[in-house]
Amino acid sequence: MCWTCCLQLTQFRRSLFQTLSSGLLFVLVTLQAFGVDATTSSPLASSKGRELYIKNCFACHQMNGRGLSGVFPPLAGSDYLTNDIDRSIRILAEGLSAPITVNGRLYNGMMPPALLSDSDVAEVLTYVLNSWNNASGPVTVERVKRIRATTAFPTFEDLQRANLYPPLPAAPDGFALREVARLPFKPVRIASDGTGRLLYLLSESGDVWRLEPVTGRLRSVFKAETYLERREGDIGGPLFVLGMTFDREKRLYIASNQQNKATCPHQNIVTIYRSNGIQEGDPSLLKPWFQTNYPGSPSYIHAVEHIAFGPDGSLYAGNGGRTDGGLSSADGDWYGGGETPITGCIWRINPEVNSPTLEVYARGTRNAYGFCWTDRGDMFATENGPDADACEELNHIERGHHYGFPYRFADWTHKAYPTSPDAPSGLEFTLPVANLGPDGGFAGQPIYSFDPHSGPGGIVFLNDSFPEGYRGTLLLTRFGNFIRTPKDTSGFDLLRATLQKNAADKYEAHVHTVLSGLGRPIDIHLGGPGKLFLAEYSRGTNSSESYGPSGRILELAVRPKKIATQTKR
């Protein structure tokens, strides 16, 4: 989907929503002025169905149902639409984010779920299926209700709740929290040059957007297809794009992962793209810069999920495990040999060469979604644990150390699974940072380091531009539980970890909740003195709400101190 076009069309659609309050006739006159064909071809295509189509569908699919070539698929004469009407109902009820082929042409965009009741879905779909020479008969409310019950939002009320942006939580003392922008996509990373004047956002599909925090203005910079080397059809598997950062020369880096199914075993191809600098105020077009591969499994592949530059000027990449816990059983076309020498570890790459190679900096990290460095140069990384109920980790990453995966998790001394491999003789493990409480899962005794499945993600170190009690600490997001019971609300928050060293010279942390009730917070970014930006991936604030529609960007900023003045007499 072309998001630049989508934003323009969305703005036009919003203006149409406002005019609808003055009557449908004015809208139709407006559409005719734009040369829009509003005719239908069957009595089943009712005026109410047409009104719903105008309000919800035409901005993308056009009033003649022909869509926009290569961007929005057609509904007129659409084989994809009419060959499986239950599928069409499902798409309206829960949305679509996957490549589809319509009338022999590939479309790779995203459609959000339609905020329509069961009766409205039946009306608008009946209109579409019986307009522009389509002739597929009526869609009943009962059929819509039956199909919706099998979707991610089993009732219209569930969908309405999922579409509500959660209220902003109370900001901590000395800070202000505000909503910067609501997004038409799900963000996975925030990056900038550190000044906070411009933010760059990475969507889960690989699109890059530019956000002006002061105005909230959002615009597309790159679409994924302009730079990603994508393997299609039977050759290519799922594509994951989760890493983005800038270097000191303002070059943009993006890391992608995709399975190559043309080999046996199938391979995960890691590609890091790099721009040549700035062109017309934005990063220039990205080109492949680094690439490697290893056997990949679609069941547990974590791959490269974070990239960032360290104090030494090197690019670090967190490459997760290809298994849940070192599982080695053969699984068809997929490599059954457990982990490989370059999975479950932190890489270091020299950015000064054009054909770089990787160095394994540290091992035993299952899924380091975020890492950062303190002012002393100490590296800390968050880590997501296994499906087994081990604690999620915060690790002090040191060169050459091993952090347990796939042999042990948290401070466990027992195997996560009966099939977990035995540790090599003599291998020493570095324990995660102990959580001394009071929050993050602490229950009266230290844990290593957070609630199971709470999803620690982005992490930053706070410098001297932050007030006492915050400067010198780590702030980290927790995406929130999605694997355990629906009532479990662990995560969905922002935590502060205040570091200290114990008698054994190992880091421990007192952990406090800074913000709670966030909508799937996935990343945090230091955007200038005393200013932080948070990416909410979606709107759900507990595990029963699943992922839901796309989220937003929040700003957490230090409040300026009020300076007392005395009037001279």
Protein backbone atom coordinates (compact mmCIF):
# COMPACT_ATOMS: atom_id res chain seq x y z
CA MET A 1 0.00 0.00 0.00
CA CYS A 2 1.28 3.49 -0.87
CA TRP A 3 0.92 5.30 2.44
CA THR A 4 1.53 8.73 0.96
CA CYS A 5 -1.49 8.22 -1.27
CA CYS A 6 -3.37 6.61 1.59
CA LEU A 7 -2.85 9.62 3.86
CA GLN A 8 -4.05 12.00 1.15
CA LEU A 9 -7.08 9.83 0.47
CA THR A 10 -7.75 9.47 4.18
CA GLN A 11 -7.77 13.23 4.61
CA PHE A 12 -10.26 13.50 1.73
CA ARG A 13 -12.37 10.77 3.31
CA ARG A 14 -12.43 12.62 6.64
CA SER A 15 -13.79 15.69 4.88
CA LEU A 16 -16.49 13.49 3.37
CA PHE A 17 -17.44 12.21 6.82
CA GLN A 18 -18.04 15.79 7.89
CA THR A 19 -20.17 16.57 4.83
CA LEU A 20 -22.29 13.48 5.45
CA SER A 21 -23.72 15.25 8.49
CA SER A 22 -25.21 17.73 6.01
CA GLY A 23 -26.76 14.98 3.91
CA LEU A 24 -25.78 12.27 1.46
CA LEU A 25 -26.99 14.33 -1.51
CA PHE A 26 -24.17 16.85 -1.07
CA VAL A 27 -21.64 14.01 -0.97
CA LEU A 28 -22.94 12.55 -4.21
CA VAL A 29 -22.83 15.93 -5.89
CA THR A 30 -19.25 16.31 -4.67
CA LEU A 31 -18.35 12.87 -6.00
CA GLN A 32 -19.87 13.68 -9.37
CA ALA A 33 -17.84 16.89 -9.44
CA PHE A 34 -14.75 14.69 -9.05
CA GLY A 35 -15.94 12.55 -11.97
CA VAL A 36 -16.93 9.64 -9.71
CA ASP A 37 -19.30 7.01 -11.06
CA ALA A 38 -21.92 6.34 -8.37
CA THR A 39 -24.15 4.03 -10.39
CA THR A 40 -25.01 0.46 -9.43
CA SER A 41 -26.31 -2.49 -11.38
CA SER A 42 -28.72 -4.41 -9.10
CA PRO A 43 -31.69 -3.65 -6.83
CA LEU A 44 -29.77 -5.53 -4.11
CA ALA A 45 -27.22 -2.69 -4.05
CA SER A 46 -29.20 -0.46 -1.67
CA SER A 47 -28.78 3.23 -1.00
CA LYS A 48 -27.71 2.42 2.57
CA GLY A 49 -25.06 0.05 1.24
CA ARG A 50 -23.86 2.78 -1.09
CA GLU A 51 -23.73 5.31 1.76
CA LEU A 52 -21.65 2.88 3.86
CA TYR A 53 -19.36 2.27 0.89
CA ILE A 54 -18.80 6.03 0.46
CA LYS A 55 -18.01 6.47 4.14
CA ASN A 56 -15.70 3.47 4.53
CA CYS A 57 -14.42 2.11 1.23
CA PHE A 58 -14.39 4.41 -1.75
CA ALA A 59 -11.29 6.44 -0.78
CA CYS A 60 -9.15 3.38 -1.50
CA HIS A 61 -11.26 1.26 -3.87
CA GLN A 62 -12.84 4.21 -5.74
CA MET A 63 -16.52 4.74 -6.48
CA ASN A 64 -16.31 2.64 -9.62
CA GLY A 65 -14.82 -0.25 -7.61
CA ARG A 66 -11.69 -0.38 -9.77
CA GLY A 67 -9.25 0.55 -7.01
CA LEU A 68 -5.90 2.11 -7.85
CA SER A 69 -3.64 0.08 -10.11
CA GLY A 70 -0.83 -1.55 -8.16
CA VAL A 71 -1.93 0.06 -4.88
CA PHE A 72 -5.51 -0.81 -3.90
CA PRO A 73 -7.08 -3.95 -5.41
CA PRO A 74 -10.29 -3.74 -7.46
CA LEU A 75 -13.67 -4.84 -6.16
CA ALA A 76 -15.36 -4.65 -9.56
CA GLY A 77 -14.98 -8.02 -11.27
CA SER A 78 -12.67 -9.24 -8.47
CA ASP A 79 -12.07 -12.99 -8.44
CA TYR A 80 -10.55 -12.73 -4.95
CA LEU A 81 -13.71 -11.09 -3.63
CA THR A 82 -16.33 -13.33 -5.22
CA ASN A 83 -14.55 -16.71 -5.04
CA ASP A 84 -14.74 -16.79 -1.25
CA ILE A 85 -17.39 -14.53 0.26
CA ASP A 86 -16.78 -15.85 3.79
CA ARG A 87 -13.16 -14.73 3.40
CA SER A 88 -14.37 -11.30 2.30
CA ILE A 89 -16.53 -11.06 5.44
CA ARG A 90 -13.53 -12.07 7.55
CA ILE A 91 -11.37 -9.33 6.02
CA LEU A 92 -13.98 -6.69 6.83
CA ALA A 93 -14.27 -8.05 10.37
CA GLU A 94 -10.58 -8.33 11.31
CA GLY A 95 -8.58 -6.68 8.53
CA LEU A 96 -5.87 -8.04 6.23
CA SER A 97 -2.09 -7.72 6.27
CA ALA A 98 -0.67 -10.19 3.75
CA PRO A 99 0.11 -10.39 0.05
CA ILE A 100 -2.92 -11.31 -2.07
CA THR A 101 -3.43 -11.93 -5.78
CA VAL A 102 -6.46 -10.28 -7.40
CA ASN A 103 -7.25 -10.97 -11.05
CA GLY A 104 -3.71 -12.25 -11.52
CA ARG A 105 -1.99 -9.22 -9.97
CA LEU A 106 -0.10 -9.19 -6.66
CA TYR A 107 -1.09 -6.63 -3.99
CA ASN A 108 0.95 -6.36 -0.80
CA GLY A 109 -0.73 -3.79 1.40
CA MET A 110 -2.76 -3.65 4.57
CA MET A 111 -6.46 -3.11 5.23
CA PRO A 112 -7.63 -2.37 8.78
CA PRO A 113 -10.85 -3.92 10.06
CA ALA A 114 -13.97 -1.93 9.19
CA LEU A 115 -15.75 -0.37 12.15
CA LEU A 116 -19.12 -1.66 10.99
CA SER A 117 -21.83 -3.57 12.81
CA ASP A 118 -22.97 -6.99 11.56
CA SER A 119 -25.92 -5.45 9.74
CA ASP A 120 -23.71 -2.74 8.18
CA VAL A 121 -21.17 -5.34 7.00
CA ALA A 122 -24.02 -7.25 5.39
CA GLU A 123 -25.34 -4.07 3.72
CA VAL A 124 -22.02 -2.81 2.35
CA LEU A 125 -20.85 -6.23 1.17
CA THR A 126 -24.19 -6.86 -0.53
CA TYR A 127 -23.72 -3.49 -2.24
CA VAL A 128 -20.21 -4.39 -3.43
CA LEU A 129 -21.16 -7.90 -4.54
CA ASN A 130 -24.02 -6.52 -6.66
CA SER A 131 -22.48 -3.40 -8.18
CA TRP A 132 -20.32 -2.77 -11.27
CA ASN A 133 -21.72 -5.92 -12.95
CA ASN A 134 -20.93 -8.08 -9.91
CA ALA A 135 -23.84 -10.43 -9.26
CA SER A 136 -23.37 -12.56 -6.17
CA GLY A 137 -26.66 -12.15 -4.31
CA PRO A 138 -27.31 -10.89 -0.78
CA VAL A 139 -25.15 -11.34 2.33
CA THR A 140 -27.18 -11.96 5.48
CA VAL A 141 -26.59 -10.60 8.97
CA GLU A 142 -26.59 -14.16 10.30
CA ARG A 143 -23.75 -15.10 7.96
CA VAL A 144 -21.71 -12.09 9.04
CA LYS A 145 -22.28 -12.87 12.71
CA ARG A 146 -21.18 -16.50 12.20
CA ILE A 147 -17.96 -15.55 10.40
CA ARG A 148 -17.12 -12.70 12.77
CA ALA A 149 -17.34 -15.08 15.73
CA THR A 150 -14.29 -16.95 14.35
CA THR A 151 -12.10 -13.82 13.99
CA ALA A 152 -9.74 -11.97 16.33
CA PHE A 153 -12.73 -9.75 17.28
CA PRO A 154 -15.62 -12.21 17.82
CA THR A 155 -18.23 -9.45 18.19
CA PHE A 156 -18.55 -5.90 16.91
CA GLU A 157 -18.27 -4.72 20.51
CA ASP A 158 -14.86 -6.45 20.75
CA LEU A 159 -13.73 -4.57 17.65
CA GLN A 160 -15.01 -1.25 19.03
CA ARG A 161 -13.09 -1.77 22.28
CA ALA A 162 -9.92 -2.68 20.39
CA ASN A 163 -10.19 0.53 18.34
CA LEU A 164 -10.25 2.82 21.36
CA TYR A 165 -6.92 4.48 22.05
CA PRO A 166 -6.16 3.89 25.71
CA PRO A 167 -6.24 6.98 27.92
CA LEU A 168 -2.83 8.42 28.69
CA PRO A 169 -1.54 7.22 32.05
CA ALA A 170 -0.54 9.75 34.66
CA ALA A 171 2.97 11.07 34.05
CA PRO A 172 5.50 10.68 36.86
CA ASP A 173 6.33 13.71 38.96
CA GLY A 174 8.42 16.22 37.06
CA PHE A 175 7.38 14.91 33.63
CA ALA A 176 4.69 15.64 31.05
CA LEU A 177 3.21 12.97 28.79
CA ARG A 178 1.52 13.79 25.49
CA GLU A 179 0.31 12.04 22.37
CA VAL A 180 2.44 13.06 19.38
CA ALA A 181 0.75 11.15 16.54
CA ARG A 182 -1.70 8.35 15.82
CA LEU A 183 -0.29 6.04 13.19
CA PRO A 184 -1.80 4.27 10.15
CA PHE A 185 0.65 1.38 10.70
CA LYS A 186 2.18 -0.63 13.52
CA PRO A 187 5.59 0.78 14.49
CA VAL A 188 8.49 -1.42 15.58
CA ARG A 189 11.37 1.10 15.87
CA ILE A 190 12.09 4.79 16.41
CA ALA A 191 15.37 6.39 15.26
CA SER A 192 16.77 9.91 14.92
CA ASP A 193 20.01 11.86 15.00
CA GLY A 194 19.46 12.42 18.73
CA THR A 195 18.26 16.01 18.52
CA GLY A 196 14.55 15.12 18.57
CA ARG A 197 13.73 17.53 15.72
CA LEU A 198 12.78 14.64 13.41
CA LEU A 199 11.91 11.04 14.18
CA TYR A 200 12.02 8.15 11.74
CA LEU A 201 9.61 5.29 12.31
CA LEU A 202 9.92 1.75 10.97
CA SER A 203 6.70 -0.17 10.32
CA GLU A 204 6.45 -3.92 10.70
CA SER A 205 6.23 -4.24 6.91
CA GLY A 206 9.50 -2.32 6.39
CA ASP A 207 8.11 1.07 5.41
CA VAL A 208 9.94 4.13 6.78
CA TRP A 209 8.06 7.25 7.89
CA ARG A 210 9.17 10.69 9.06
CA LEU A 211 7.48 12.33 12.03
CA GLU A 212 7.82 15.95 13.16
CA PRO A 213 7.23 15.74 16.93
CA VAL A 214 6.27 19.39 17.36
CA THR A 215 3.50 19.39 14.75
CA GLY A 216 2.69 15.67 14.59
CA ARG A 217 3.11 15.81 10.82
CA LEU A 218 3.73 12.36 9.36
CA ARG A 219 4.84 11.45 5.86
CA SER A 220 6.24 8.46 4.01
CA VAL A 221 9.99 8.33 3.27
CA PHE A 222 10.48 4.81 1.86
CA LYS A 223 8.13 2.04 0.95
CA ALA A 224 9.50 -1.40 1.69
CA GLU A 225 9.42 -2.50 -1.93
CA THR A 226 11.79 0.29 -2.96
CA TYR A 227 14.72 -1.27 -1.09
CA LEU A 228 13.94 -4.73 0.28
CA GLU A 229 15.22 -7.74 -1.63
CA ARG A 230 12.10 -9.86 -1.35
CA ARG A 231 11.85 -13.53 -2.31
CA GLU A 232 8.38 -14.22 -3.64
CA GLY A 233 6.11 -17.23 -3.94
CA ASP A 234 7.50 -20.68 -3.25
CA ILE A 235 11.02 -19.32 -2.82
CA GLY A 236 10.34 -16.75 -0.11
CA GLY A 237 8.96 -17.19 3.38
CA PRO A 238 7.83 -14.57 5.91
CA LEU A 239 9.75 -11.27 5.96
CA PHE A 240 10.70 -9.66 9.28
CA VAL A 241 12.00 -6.06 9.40
CA LEU A 242 12.72 -5.05 12.98
CA GLY A 243 16.03 -3.16 13.23
CA MET A 244 16.76 0.50 12.40
CA THR A 245 19.41 3.00 13.48
CA PHE A 246 21.55 5.95 12.32
CA ASP A 247 25.33 6.25 12.49
CA ARG A 248 27.38 9.36 13.26
CA GLU A 249 27.44 10.27 9.57
CA LYS A 250 23.61 10.24 9.50
CA ARG A 251 23.50 7.10 7.38
CA LEU A 252 20.39 5.00 7.98
CA TYR A 253 20.63 1.23 8.58
CA ILE A 254 17.73 -1.24 8.43
CA ALA A 255 17.93 -4.97 9.19
CA SER A 256 15.63 -7.52 7.54
CA ASN A 257 15.20 -11.28 7.72
CA GLN A 258 13.53 -13.60 5.22
CA GLN A 259 13.44 -17.34 4.73
CA ASN A 260 14.73 -18.72 1.44
CA LYS A 261 12.69 -21.85 0.79
CA ALA A 262 14.59 -22.77 -2.38
CA THR A 263 17.27 -24.52 -0.32
CA CYS A 264 17.14 -27.57 1.93
CA PRO A 265 17.33 -26.90 4.78
CA HIS A 266 15.61 -23.56 4.33
CA GLN A 267 17.78 -20.55 5.12
CA ASN A 268 17.14 -17.33 7.02
CA ILE A 269 18.71 -14.51 5.00
CA VAL A 270 19.81 -11.55 7.13
CA THR A 271 20.34 -8.35 5.15
CA ILE A 272 21.41 -5.00 6.60
CA TYR A 273 20.71 -2.08 4.26
CA ARG A 274 22.51 1.24 4.44
CA SER A 275 21.91 4.67 2.93
CA ASN A 276 24.69 6.87 1.59
CA GLY A 277 23.67 9.87 3.67
CA ILE A 278 21.06 12.61 3.42
CA GLN A 279 19.23 13.60 0.27
CA GLU A 280 16.70 16.47 0.32
CA GLY A 281 16.54 16.33 4.10
CA ASP A 282 15.92 12.57 4.40
CA PRO A 283 18.13 9.48 4.16
CA SER A 284 19.05 8.51 0.61
CA LEU A 285 17.84 5.25 -0.85
CA LEU A 286 18.95 2.14 1.03
CA LYS A 287 21.23 -0.45 -0.56
CA PRO A 288 22.29 -3.90 0.71
CA TRP A 289 25.47 -3.53 2.78
CA PHE A 290 25.82 -6.73 4.85
CA GLN A 291 24.33 -10.17 4.34
CA THR A 292 24.63 -13.59 5.92
CA ASN A 293 22.46 -16.67 6.31
CA TYR A 294 21.88 -19.74 8.45
CA PRO A 295 19.23 -22.49 8.69
CA GLY A 296 15.97 -20.91 9.78
CA SER A 297 12.75 -22.24 11.26
CA PRO A 298 9.41 -20.43 10.84
CA SER A 299 8.23 -21.72 14.23
CA TYR A 300 10.70 -19.90 16.47
CA ILE A 301 12.93 -17.76 14.27
CA HIS A 302 13.83 -14.57 16.08
CA ALA A 303 16.69 -13.47 13.83
CA VAL A 304 18.12 -9.92 13.86
CA GLU A 305 15.72 -7.76 15.84
CA HIS A 306 17.85 -4.81 16.97
CA ILE A 307 20.82 -2.90 15.63
CA ALA A 308 22.59 0.00 17.33
CA PHE A 309 25.98 1.71 17.40
CA GLY A 310 28.15 1.31 20.46
CA PRO A 311 30.59 3.80 22.01
CA ASP A 312 33.40 2.17 20.01
CA GLY A 313 31.70 3.14 16.73
CA SER A 314 30.86 -0.48 15.84
CA LEU A 315 27.43 -1.67 14.77
CA TYR A 316 25.97 -4.25 17.15
CA ALA A 317 23.19 -6.62 16.12
CA GLY A 318 21.11 -8.87 18.35
CA ASN A 319 20.54 -12.09 16.44
CA GLY A 320 18.08 -14.28 18.32
CA GLY A 321 17.77 -18.03 18.52
CA ARG A 322 16.28 -20.12 15.74
CA THR A 323 14.60 -22.39 18.33
CA ASP A 324 12.59 -21.95 21.50
CA GLY A 325 15.15 -23.74 23.64
CA GLY A 326 17.77 -25.46 21.52
CA LEU A 327 15.36 -28.06 20.16
CA SER A 328 17.19 -30.41 17.81
CA SER A 329 14.50 -32.69 16.39
CA ALA A 330 14.28 -32.69 12.59
CA ASP A 331 11.28 -30.79 11.25
CA GLY A 332 10.83 -31.53 7.57
CA ASP A 333 12.63 -29.10 5.30
CA TRP A 334 13.91 -27.18 8.31
CA TYR A 335 17.31 -27.75 9.90
CA GLY A 336 16.96 -29.94 12.98
CA GLY A 337 20.35 -29.26 14.52
CA GLY A 338 19.46 -26.74 17.23
CA GLU A 339 21.34 -23.45 17.29
CA THR A 340 24.14 -22.45 14.91
CA PRO A 341 27.41 -20.62 15.69
CA ILE A 342 25.85 -17.26 14.75
CA THR A 343 22.37 -17.58 16.31
CA GLY A 344 21.42 -16.71 19.88
CA CYS A 345 24.19 -14.11 20.17
CA ILE A 346 25.25 -10.47 19.80
CA TRP A 347 27.19 -9.56 16.65
CA ARG A 348 29.68 -6.74 16.19
CA ILE A 349 30.26 -5.33 12.68
CA ASN A 350 32.75 -2.72 11.45
CA PRO A 351 30.85 0.06 9.61
CA GLU A 352 33.98 1.43 7.98
CA VAL A 353 34.29 -1.36 5.39
CA ASN A 354 32.10 -1.95 2.36
CA SER A 355 32.07 -5.77 2.62
CA PRO A 356 31.98 -6.35 6.37
CA THR A 357 32.12 -9.60 8.31
CA LEU A 358 30.62 -10.26 11.71
CA GLU A 359 32.29 -10.96 15.03
CA VAL A 360 30.34 -12.83 17.70
CA TYR A 361 30.64 -10.46 20.65
CA ALA A 362 28.65 -12.45 23.25
CA ARG A 363 26.63 -15.68 23.24
CA GLY A 364 23.61 -17.21 24.91
CA THR A 365 21.01 -14.50 24.22
CA ARG A 366 17.72 -15.98 23.03
CA ASN A 367 16.08 -12.81 21.77
CA ALA A 368 17.72 -9.47 22.63
CA TYR A 369 15.08 -7.05 21.37
CA GLY A 370 16.79 -3.96 22.78
CA PHE A 371 20.18 -2.86 24.07
CA CYS A 372 21.98 0.33 25.03
CA TRP A 373 25.13 1.60 26.75
CA THR A 374 25.65 3.59 29.95
CA ASP A 375 27.92 6.63 30.21
CA ARG A 376 30.62 4.23 31.45
CA GLY A 377 30.34 2.12 28.31
CA ASP A 378 28.55 -0.82 29.96
CA MET A 379 26.12 -2.58 27.61
CA PHE A 380 22.71 -3.80 28.79
CA ALA A 381 20.22 -5.86 26.80
CA THR A 382 16.62 -6.94 27.31
CA GLU A 383 15.77 -10.53 26.47
CA ASN A 384 12.54 -12.43 25.82
CA GLY A 385 12.40 -15.88 27.40
CA PRO A 386 11.00 -19.22 26.17
CA ASP A 387 7.44 -20.52 26.03
CA ALA A 388 8.33 -22.26 29.29
CA ASP A 389 7.62 -19.92 32.22
CA ALA A 390 11.15 -18.66 32.85
CA CYS A 391 11.64 -15.01 33.82
CA GLU A 392 12.44 -12.50 31.10
CA GLU A 393 15.94 -11.09 31.42
CA LEU A 394 17.96 -7.89 31.67
CA ASN A 395 21.61 -8.72 30.94
CA HIS A 396 24.87 -6.84 31.40
CA ILE A 397 26.54 -7.79 28.12
CA GLU A 398 30.30 -8.31 28.25
CA ARG A 399 32.52 -9.48 25.43
CA GLY A 400 33.07 -13.22 25.41
CA HIS A 401 30.45 -13.99 28.07
CA HIS A 402 27.69 -16.58 27.69
CA TYR A 403 24.18 -15.80 28.98
CA GLY A 404 22.71 -19.28 29.10
CA PHE A 405 20.58 -19.87 26.02
CA PRO A 406 19.74 -22.58 25.04
CA TYR A 407 21.03 -24.41 28.11
CA ARG A 408 19.50 -22.37 30.92
CA PHE A 409 17.13 -19.46 31.47
CA ALA A 410 17.05 -16.79 34.18
CA ASP A 411 18.52 -18.42 37.31
CA TRP A 412 17.03 -21.85 36.59
CA THR A 413 19.26 -24.83 37.22
CA HIS A 414 16.83 -27.26 35.56
CA LYS A 415 16.11 -27.69 31.85
CA ALA A 416 13.28 -25.74 30.28
CA TYR A 417 12.29 -28.82 28.23
CA PRO A 418 13.21 -32.52 28.43
CA THR A 419 14.71 -32.14 24.94
CA SER A 420 16.89 -29.14 25.87
CA PRO A 421 20.56 -29.83 25.13
CA ASP A 422 23.15 -30.42 27.83
CA ALA A 423 25.61 -27.57 28.35
CA PRO A 424 29.16 -28.22 27.11
CA SER A 425 31.52 -29.20 29.89
CA GLY A 426 33.20 -26.23 31.55
CA LEU A 427 30.93 -23.57 30.01
CA GLU A 428 30.34 -20.73 32.48
CA PHE A 429 27.13 -18.69 32.43
CA THR A 430 26.59 -15.07 33.39
CA LEU A 431 23.39 -14.56 35.37
CA PRO A 432 20.93 -11.83 34.39
CA VAL A 433 20.66 -8.66 36.46
CA ALA A 434 18.82 -9.40 39.70
CA ASN A 435 15.59 -7.43 40.20
CA LEU A 436 15.50 -6.24 43.84
CA GLY A 437 11.98 -4.82 43.45
CA PRO A 438 9.57 -3.43 44.17
CA ASP A 439 8.13 -3.81 40.61
CA GLY A 440 8.55 -5.76 37.37
CA GLY A 441 7.59 -9.10 38.89
CA PHE A 442 9.37 -8.86 42.23
CA ALA A 443 7.52 -10.86 44.89
CA GLY A 444 9.57 -10.57 48.06
CA GLN A 445 12.82 -12.02 46.74
CA PRO A 446 15.13 -11.19 43.82
CA ILE A 447 14.12 -12.49 40.39
CA TYR A 448 16.16 -12.61 37.17
CA SER A 449 14.76 -10.20 36.00
CA PHE A 450 11.03 -9.72 35.13
CA ASP A 451 7.67 -11.53 34.97
CA PRO A 452 7.61 -14.46 32.53
CA HIS A 453 6.30 -13.48 29.08
CA SER A 454 6.12 -9.76 29.90
CA GLY A 455 8.09 -8.92 26.73
CA PRO A 456 10.90 -6.46 27.62
CA GLY A 457 11.74 -4.48 24.48
CA GLY A 458 13.32 -1.10 23.79
CA ILE A 459 15.75 0.28 26.37
CA VAL A 460 17.60 3.58 26.91
CA PHE A 461 20.12 5.02 29.38
CA LEU A 462 19.19 8.40 30.84
CA ASN A 463 21.87 11.09 30.84
CA ASP A 464 22.34 14.22 32.95
CA SER A 465 19.50 16.06 31.17
CA PHE A 466 17.07 14.09 33.36
CA PRO A 467 16.27 14.90 37.00
CA GLU A 468 17.79 13.27 40.06
CA GLY A 469 16.39 9.79 40.58
CA TYR A 470 16.25 9.25 36.80
CA ARG A 471 19.69 10.25 35.55
CA GLY A 472 22.02 7.28 35.34
CA THR A 473 19.13 4.78 35.20
CA LEU A 474 17.74 2.53 32.47
CA LEU A 475 14.19 2.86 31.11
CA LEU A 476 12.73 -0.12 29.29
CA THR A 477 9.42 -0.97 27.67
CA ARG A 478 7.52 -4.20 28.21
CA PHE A 479 5.32 -5.23 25.29
CA GLY A 480 3.02 -7.28 27.48
CA ASN A 481 1.98 -10.87 27.89
CA PHE A 482 0.35 -12.67 24.97
CA ILE A 483 1.02 -16.32 25.71
CA ARG A 484 -0.56 -16.95 29.10
CA THR A 485 -4.06 -16.55 30.53
CA PRO A 486 -6.17 -13.72 29.05
CA LYS A 487 -6.44 -12.00 32.43
CA ASP A 488 -2.66 -11.71 32.79
CA THR A 489 -1.65 -8.05 32.49
CA SER A 490 2.10 -8.33 33.11
CA GLY A 491 3.96 -5.83 30.98
CA PHE A 492 2.17 -3.06 29.05
CA ASP A 493 4.39 -0.63 30.94
CA LEU A 494 7.57 1.41 31.17
CA LEU A 495 10.03 0.46 33.91
CA ARG A 496 12.99 2.25 35.50
CA ALA A 497 15.97 0.13 36.56
CA THR A 498 18.32 1.80 39.04
CA LEU A 499 21.63 -0.03 38.86
CA GLN A 500 24.00 -0.90 41.69
CA LYS A 501 26.81 -3.40 42.16
CA ASN A 502 26.76 -6.09 44.85
CA ALA A 503 29.60 -7.54 46.90
CA ALA A 504 30.51 -9.84 43.99
CA ASP A 505 30.86 -6.79 41.68
CA LYS A 506 27.73 -7.84 39.72
CA TYR A 507 24.97 -5.48 38.69
CA GLU A 508 21.63 -5.56 40.48
CA ALA A 509 18.68 -3.21 39.97
CA HIS A 510 15.84 -1.68 41.89
CA VAL A 511 12.91 -1.61 39.47
CA HIS A 512 10.05 0.89 39.56
CA THR A 513 7.04 1.37 37.27
CA VAL A 514 7.15 4.71 35.46
CA LEU A 515 4.05 4.30 33.26
CA SER A 516 1.45 1.52 33.22
CA GLY A 517 -1.57 0.73 31.06
CA LEU A 518 0.29 1.43 27.81
CA GLY A 519 -0.83 0.00 24.47
CA ARG A 520 1.76 -2.68 23.66
CA PRO A 521 4.84 -0.40 24.11
CA ILE A 522 7.56 -1.77 21.85
CA ASP A 523 10.34 0.82 21.63
CA ILE A 524 11.71 3.86 23.43
CA HIS A 525 14.05 6.50 22.02
CA LEU A 526 16.10 9.31 23.56
CA GLY A 527 15.19 12.31 21.44
CA GLY A 528 17.12 15.26 22.80
CA PRO A 529 17.78 16.64 26.30
CA GLY A 530 15.18 15.52 28.81
CA LYS A 531 12.93 14.06 26.14
CA LEU A 532 11.85 10.49 25.37
CA PHE A 533 9.62 9.04 22.68
CA LEU A 534 7.60 5.84 23.10
CA ALA A 535 6.15 3.70 20.33
CA GLU A 536 2.89 1.93 21.11
CA TYR A 537 2.64 -0.96 18.65
CA SER A 538 -1.14 -1.25 19.02
CA ARG A 539 -3.91 -0.27 21.40
CA GLY A 540 -4.42 -3.29 23.63
CA THR A 541 -3.50 -2.72 27.29
CA ASN A 542 -3.91 -6.33 28.41
CA SER A 543 -3.46 -9.76 26.88
CA SER A 544 -7.19 -10.35 26.35
CA GLU A 545 -7.21 -7.47 23.83
CA SER A 546 -4.61 -9.17 21.62
CA TYR A 547 -2.80 -6.79 19.28
CA GLY A 548 -5.64 -4.73 17.85
CA PRO A 549 -5.32 -1.82 15.41
CA SER A 550 -2.16 0.25 15.05
CA GLY A 551 -0.80 2.46 17.78
CA ARG A 552 0.81 5.84 18.25
CA ILE A 553 3.88 7.80 19.35
CA LEU A 554 4.01 9.38 22.82
CA GLU A 555 6.41 11.95 24.23
CA LEU A 556 7.59 11.83 27.85
CA ALA A 557 9.47 15.04 28.63
CA VAL A 558 10.94 16.67 31.70
CA ARG A 559 8.83 19.63 32.80
CA PRO A 560 10.75 22.92 32.81
CA LYS A 561 11.44 24.06 36.35
CA LYS A 562 9.56 27.12 37.48
CA ILE A 563 12.01 29.84 38.45
CA ALA A 564 10.85 31.88 41.38
CA THR A 565 11.21 35.63 40.89
CA GLN A 566 11.07 38.41 43.45
CA THR A 567 9.71 41.81 42.55
CA LYS A 568 11.93 44.63 43.69
CA ARG A 569 10.25 47.47 45.52
